[in-house]
Amino acid sequence: MNRTRKTILWLALVLAVLLAGGAALAWGAPRDQWDYRRASRAGLPAVTYTGDWSAPSTLKLYLELYVQRLSDGDADGLTDLSWHRRWFARHAEAAAARRVIGTYGKGAAGPVSIDLTPEDPYDVRGGTIHFRRTGQQETFTVFKRNGLWLFVIGSS
């Protein structure tokens, strides 16, 4: 009986550790990025691409989501597209997203063109988003982490 009790306690401890590890992984994972197509809403903006033509379709879709969320004024959606340094930085990222929306949101509602630079060996890309309605330009850097393209919002 004593041996059975130890075995049950040991299995319960292993199960608790596995559940805690799974919860920690899920907590730190980006919420809406597992599939960019599922994250998108109807009516992605018409974006013209210039520069590097070899950009993957997932990166183009990601940039279209970025422009869509700018034009919608969706700060939560915009932070979902960003890299979360730490869970406690979420408030600062939301504030930065609101500043970006305030700056470029009106321009994102009109025609947009994106000039992409060639990819470097570390899956980092940059470029310039041209908001033709307002004449504004936004330079950006995106990087791939665990197969997902991510902005660093609020880094400047």
C-alpha atoms as a PDB file:
ATOM      1  CA  MET A   1       0.000   0.000   0.000  1.00  0.00           C
ATOM      2  CA  ASN A   2       2.827   2.398   0.838  1.00  0.00           C
ATOM      3  CA  ARG A   3       4.474   1.737  -2.552  1.00  0.00           C
ATOM      4  CA  THR A   4       1.183   2.326  -4.403  1.00  0.00           C
ATOM      5  CA  ARG A   5       0.683   5.589  -2.577  1.00  0.00           C
ATOM      6  CA  LYS A   6       4.188   6.786  -3.526  1.00  0.00           C
ATOM      7  CA  THR A   7       3.553   5.845  -7.159  1.00  0.00           C
ATOM      8  CA  ILE A   8       0.297   7.792  -7.232  1.00  0.00           C
ATOM      9  CA  LEU A   9       1.912  10.833  -5.625  1.00  0.00           C
ATOM     10  CA  TRP A  10       4.823  10.645  -8.077  1.00  0.00           C
ATOM     11  CA  LEU A  11       2.460  10.451 -11.079  1.00  0.00           C
ATOM     12  CA  ALA A  12       0.412  13.368  -9.724  1.00  0.00           C
ATOM     13  CA  LEU A  13       3.574  15.449  -9.378  1.00  0.00           C
ATOM     14  CA  VAL A  14       4.699  14.631 -12.934  1.00  0.00           C
ATOM     15  CA  LEU A  15       1.244  15.498 -14.282  1.00  0.00           C
ATOM     16  CA  ALA A  16       1.214  18.818 -12.386  1.00  0.00           C
ATOM     17  CA  VAL A  17       4.649  19.740 -13.774  1.00  0.00           C
ATOM     18  CA  LEU A  18       3.573  18.885 -17.331  1.00  0.00           C
ATOM     19  CA  LEU A  19       0.377  20.917 -17.015  1.00  0.00           C
ATOM     20  CA  ALA A  20       2.261  23.888 -15.565  1.00  0.00           C
ATOM     21  CA  GLY A  21       4.796  23.712 -18.406  1.00  0.00           C
ATOM     22  CA  GLY A  22       2.050  23.593 -21.037  1.00  0.00           C
ATOM     23  CA  ALA A  23       0.262  26.545 -19.456  1.00  0.00           C
ATOM     24  CA  ALA A  24       3.504  28.551 -19.396  1.00  0.00           C
ATOM     25  CA  LEU A  25       4.103  27.862 -23.087  1.00  0.00           C
ATOM     26  CA  ALA A  26       0.543  28.824 -24.002  1.00  0.00           C
ATOM     27  CA  TRP A  27       0.761  32.033 -21.913  1.00  0.00           C
ATOM     28  CA  GLY A  28       3.844  33.270 -23.758  1.00  0.00           C
ATOM     29  CA  ALA A  29       2.612  32.350 -27.236  1.00  0.00           C
ATOM     30  CA  PRO A  30       1.234  34.964 -29.627  1.00  0.00           C
ATOM     31  CA  ARG A  31      -2.533  34.727 -29.592  1.00  0.00           C
ATOM     32  CA  ASP A  32      -3.693  35.380 -33.146  1.00  0.00           C
ATOM     33  CA  GLN A  33      -0.665  34.390 -35.145  1.00  0.00           C
ATOM     34  CA  TRP A  34      -0.821  30.629 -35.460  1.00  0.00           C
ATOM     35  CA  ASP A  35      -2.488  31.067 -38.823  1.00  0.00           C
ATOM     36  CA  TYR A  36      -2.456  34.554 -40.351  1.00  0.00           C
ATOM     37  CA  ARG A  37      -5.405  33.699 -42.579  1.00  0.00           C
ATOM     38  CA  ARG A  38      -7.571  32.883 -39.549  1.00  0.00           C
ATOM     39  CA  ALA A  39      -6.432  36.105 -37.884  1.00  0.00           C
ATOM     40  CA  SER A  40      -7.485  38.227 -40.843  1.00  0.00           C
ATOM     41  CA  ARG A  41     -10.904  39.719 -41.181  1.00  0.00           C
ATOM     42  CA  ALA A  42     -12.778  40.217 -44.418  1.00  0.00           C
ATOM     43  CA  GLY A  43     -11.607  42.987 -46.692  1.00  0.00           C
ATOM     44  CA  LEU A  44      -7.835  43.041 -46.436  1.00  0.00           C
ATOM     45  CA  PRO A  45      -6.547  46.304 -47.895  1.00  0.00           C
ATOM     46  CA  ALA A  46      -5.161  46.485 -51.415  1.00  0.00           C
ATOM     47  CA  VAL A  47      -1.417  46.809 -50.955  1.00  0.00           C
ATOM     48  CA  THR A  48       1.108  47.249 -53.758  1.00  0.00           C
ATOM     49  CA  TYR A  49       4.533  45.664 -53.234  1.00  0.00           C
ATOM     50  CA  THR A  50       7.805  46.925 -54.677  1.00  0.00           C
ATOM     51  CA  GLY A  51      11.402  45.947 -54.069  1.00  0.00           C
ATOM     52  CA  ASP A  52      12.170  42.314 -53.301  1.00  0.00           C
ATOM     53  CA  TRP A  53       9.674  40.172 -55.215  1.00  0.00           C
ATOM     54  CA  SER A  54      10.720  36.961 -53.451  1.00  0.00           C
ATOM     55  CA  ALA A  55       8.914  37.859 -50.228  1.00  0.00           C
ATOM     56  CA  PRO A  56       6.906  34.899 -48.923  1.00  0.00           C
ATOM     57  CA  SER A  57       3.126  35.095 -49.079  1.00  0.00           C
ATOM     58  CA  THR A  58       2.910  34.812 -45.278  1.00  0.00           C
ATOM     59  CA  LEU A  59       4.974  37.995 -44.913  1.00  0.00           C
ATOM     60  CA  LYS A  60       2.769  39.837 -47.415  1.00  0.00           C
ATOM     61  CA  LEU A  61      -0.356  38.690 -45.594  1.00  0.00           C
ATOM     62  CA  TYR A  62       1.182  39.749 -42.276  1.00  0.00           C
ATOM     63  CA  LEU A  63       1.911  43.243 -43.625  1.00  0.00           C
ATOM     64  CA  GLU A  64      -1.641  43.492 -44.976  1.00  0.00           C
ATOM     65  CA  LEU A  65      -2.960  42.595 -41.515  1.00  0.00           C
ATOM     66  CA  TYR A  66      -0.767  45.340 -40.074  1.00  0.00           C
ATOM     67  CA  VAL A  67      -2.191  47.922 -42.505  1.00  0.00           C
ATOM     68  CA  GLN A  68      -5.743  46.665 -41.885  1.00  0.00           C
ATOM     69  CA  ARG A  69      -5.417  46.988 -38.133  1.00  0.00           C
ATOM     70  CA  LEU A  70      -3.892  50.445 -38.492  1.00  0.00           C
ATOM     71  CA  SER A  71      -6.813  51.639 -40.607  1.00  0.00           C
ATOM     72  CA  ASP A  72      -9.356  50.013 -38.241  1.00  0.00           C
ATOM     73  CA  GLY A  73      -7.745  51.673 -35.209  1.00  0.00           C
ATOM     74  CA  ASP A  74      -7.427  48.220 -33.599  1.00  0.00           C
ATOM     75  CA  ALA A  75      -4.724  48.639 -30.920  1.00  0.00           C
ATOM     76  CA  ASP A  76      -5.299  45.161 -29.464  1.00  0.00           C
ATOM     77  CA  GLY A  77      -5.075  43.584 -32.900  1.00  0.00           C
ATOM     78  CA  LEU A  78      -1.914  45.541 -33.627  1.00  0.00           C
ATOM     79  CA  THR A  79      -0.243  44.385 -30.420  1.00  0.00           C
ATOM     80  CA  ASP A  80      -1.200  40.808 -31.298  1.00  0.00           C
ATOM     81  CA  LEU A  81       1.072  41.219 -34.336  1.00  0.00           C
ATOM     82  CA  SER A  82       3.996  42.401 -32.222  1.00  0.00           C
ATOM     83  CA  TRP A  83       6.686  40.532 -30.378  1.00  0.00           C
ATOM     84  CA  HIS A  84       5.880  40.406 -26.666  1.00  0.00           C
ATOM     85  CA  ARG A  85       9.082  40.920 -24.754  1.00  0.00           C
ATOM     86  CA  ARG A  86       7.471  40.060 -21.431  1.00  0.00           C
ATOM     87  CA  TRP A  87       3.889  39.767 -20.257  1.00  0.00           C
ATOM     88  CA  PHE A  88       4.261  42.933 -18.170  1.00  0.00           C
ATOM     89  CA  ALA A  89       5.250  44.965 -21.266  1.00  0.00           C
ATOM     90  CA  ARG A  90       1.767  44.489 -22.776  1.00  0.00           C
ATOM     91  CA  HIS A  91       0.527  47.840 -21.432  1.00  0.00           C
ATOM     92  CA  ALA A  92       3.471  49.724 -22.987  1.00  0.00           C
ATOM     93  CA  GLU A  93       2.947  47.897 -26.300  1.00  0.00           C
ATOM     94  CA  ALA A  94      -0.731  48.892 -26.334  1.00  0.00           C
ATOM     95  CA  ALA A  95       0.213  52.526 -25.725  1.00  0.00           C
ATOM     96  CA  ALA A  96       2.779  52.349 -28.537  1.00  0.00           C
ATOM     97  CA  ALA A  97       0.174  50.766 -30.836  1.00  0.00           C
ATOM     98  CA  ARG A  98      -2.236  53.637 -30.113  1.00  0.00           C
ATOM     99  CA  ARG A  99       0.524  56.144 -30.995  1.00  0.00           C
ATOM    100  CA  VAL A 100       1.222  54.324 -34.277  1.00  0.00           C
ATOM    101  CA  ILE A 101      -2.510  54.265 -35.081  1.00  0.00           C
ATOM    102  CA  GLY A 102      -2.761  57.990 -34.296  1.00  0.00           C
ATOM    103  CA  THR A 103       0.165  58.706 -36.596  1.00  0.00           C
ATOM    104  CA  TYR A 104      -0.576  56.422 -39.559  1.00  0.00           C
ATOM    105  CA  GLY A 105      -4.189  55.284 -39.174  1.00  0.00           C
ATOM    106  CA  LYS A 106      -5.674  57.875 -41.526  1.00  0.00           C
ATOM    107  CA  GLY A 107      -3.085  57.089 -44.211  1.00  0.00           C
ATOM    108  CA  ALA A 108      -3.679  53.343 -43.857  1.00  0.00           C
ATOM    109  CA  ALA A 109      -7.316  53.851 -44.840  1.00  0.00           C
ATOM    110  CA  GLY A 110      -6.189  54.825 -48.353  1.00  0.00           C
ATOM    111  CA  PRO A 111      -3.888  53.290 -50.950  1.00  0.00           C
ATOM    112  CA  VAL A 112      -0.701  51.798 -49.538  1.00  0.00           C
ATOM    113  CA  SER A 113       2.509  50.562 -51.138  1.00  0.00           C
ATOM    114  CA  ILE A 114       5.247  48.627 -49.379  1.00  0.00           C
ATOM    115  CA  ASP A 115       8.865  48.578 -50.492  1.00  0.00           C
ATOM    116  CA  LEU A 116      10.571  45.441 -49.132  1.00  0.00           C
ATOM    117  CA  THR A 117      14.312  44.974 -48.701  1.00  0.00           C
ATOM    118  CA  PRO A 118      15.923  41.602 -49.435  1.00  0.00           C
ATOM    119  CA  GLU A 119      15.897  39.067 -46.623  1.00  0.00           C
ATOM    120  CA  ASP A 120      19.070  38.632 -44.633  1.00  0.00           C
ATOM    121  CA  PRO A 121      20.361  35.243 -43.452  1.00  0.00           C
ATOM    122  CA  TYR A 122      18.693  35.702 -40.047  1.00  0.00           C
ATOM    123  CA  ASP A 123      15.112  36.062 -41.367  1.00  0.00           C
ATOM    124  CA  VAL A 124      15.038  39.808 -40.796  1.00  0.00           C
ATOM    125  CA  ARG A 125      13.424  42.104 -43.351  1.00  0.00           C
ATOM    126  CA  GLY A 126      12.903  45.794 -43.504  1.00  0.00           C
ATOM    127  CA  GLY A 127      11.272  48.259 -45.776  1.00  0.00           C
ATOM    128  CA  THR A 128       9.114  51.308 -46.055  1.00  0.00           C
ATOM    129  CA  ILE A 129       5.335  51.561 -45.999  1.00  0.00           C
ATOM    130  CA  HIS A 130       4.105  54.444 -48.172  1.00  0.00           C
ATOM    131  CA  PHE A 131       0.694  55.818 -47.193  1.00  0.00           C
ATOM    132  CA  ARG A 132      -0.221  57.571 -50.437  1.00  0.00           C
ATOM    133  CA  ARG A 133      -3.345  59.279 -49.075  1.00  0.00           C
ATOM    134  CA  THR A 134      -1.365  61.324 -46.548  1.00  0.00           C
ATOM    135  CA  GLY A 135       2.100  61.177 -48.141  1.00  0.00           C
ATOM    136  CA  GLN A 136       3.536  59.600 -44.968  1.00  0.00           C
ATOM    137  CA  GLN A 137       6.203  56.926 -44.865  1.00  0.00           C
ATOM    138  CA  GLU A 138       6.911  54.439 -42.109  1.00  0.00           C
ATOM    139  CA  THR A 139      10.088  52.398 -42.060  1.00  0.00           C
ATOM    140  CA  PHE A 140       9.814  49.011 -40.416  1.00  0.00           C
ATOM    141  CA  THR A 141      11.704  45.901 -39.473  1.00  0.00           C
ATOM    142  CA  VAL A 142      10.117  42.489 -39.145  1.00  0.00           C
ATOM    143  CA  PHE A 143      11.722  39.258 -38.107  1.00  0.00           C
ATOM    144  CA  LYS A 144      10.749  35.634 -38.106  1.00  0.00           C
ATOM    145  CA  ARG A 145      10.548  33.828 -34.792  1.00  0.00           C
ATOM    146  CA  ASN A 146       9.279  30.256 -34.546  1.00  0.00           C
ATOM    147  CA  GLY A 147       7.926  30.540 -38.082  1.00  0.00           C
ATOM    148  CA  LEU A 148       5.956  33.744 -37.411  1.00  0.00           C
ATOM    149  CA  TRP A 149       6.655  37.248 -38.704  1.00  0.00           C
ATOM    150  CA  LEU A 150       6.693  39.826 -35.916  1.00  0.00           C
ATOM    151  CA  PHE A 151       7.079  43.595 -35.510  1.00  0.00           C
ATOM    152  CA  VAL A 152       8.716  45.146 -32.506  1.00  0.00           C
ATOM    153  CA  ILE A 153       6.160  47.832 -31.667  1.00  0.00           C
ATOM    154  CA  GLY A 154       7.297  50.670 -29.461  1.00  0.00           C
ATOM    155  CA  SER A 155      11.006  50.181 -29.990  1.00  0.00           C
ATOM    156  CA  SER A 156      11.691  53.630 -31.362  1.00  0.00           C
END
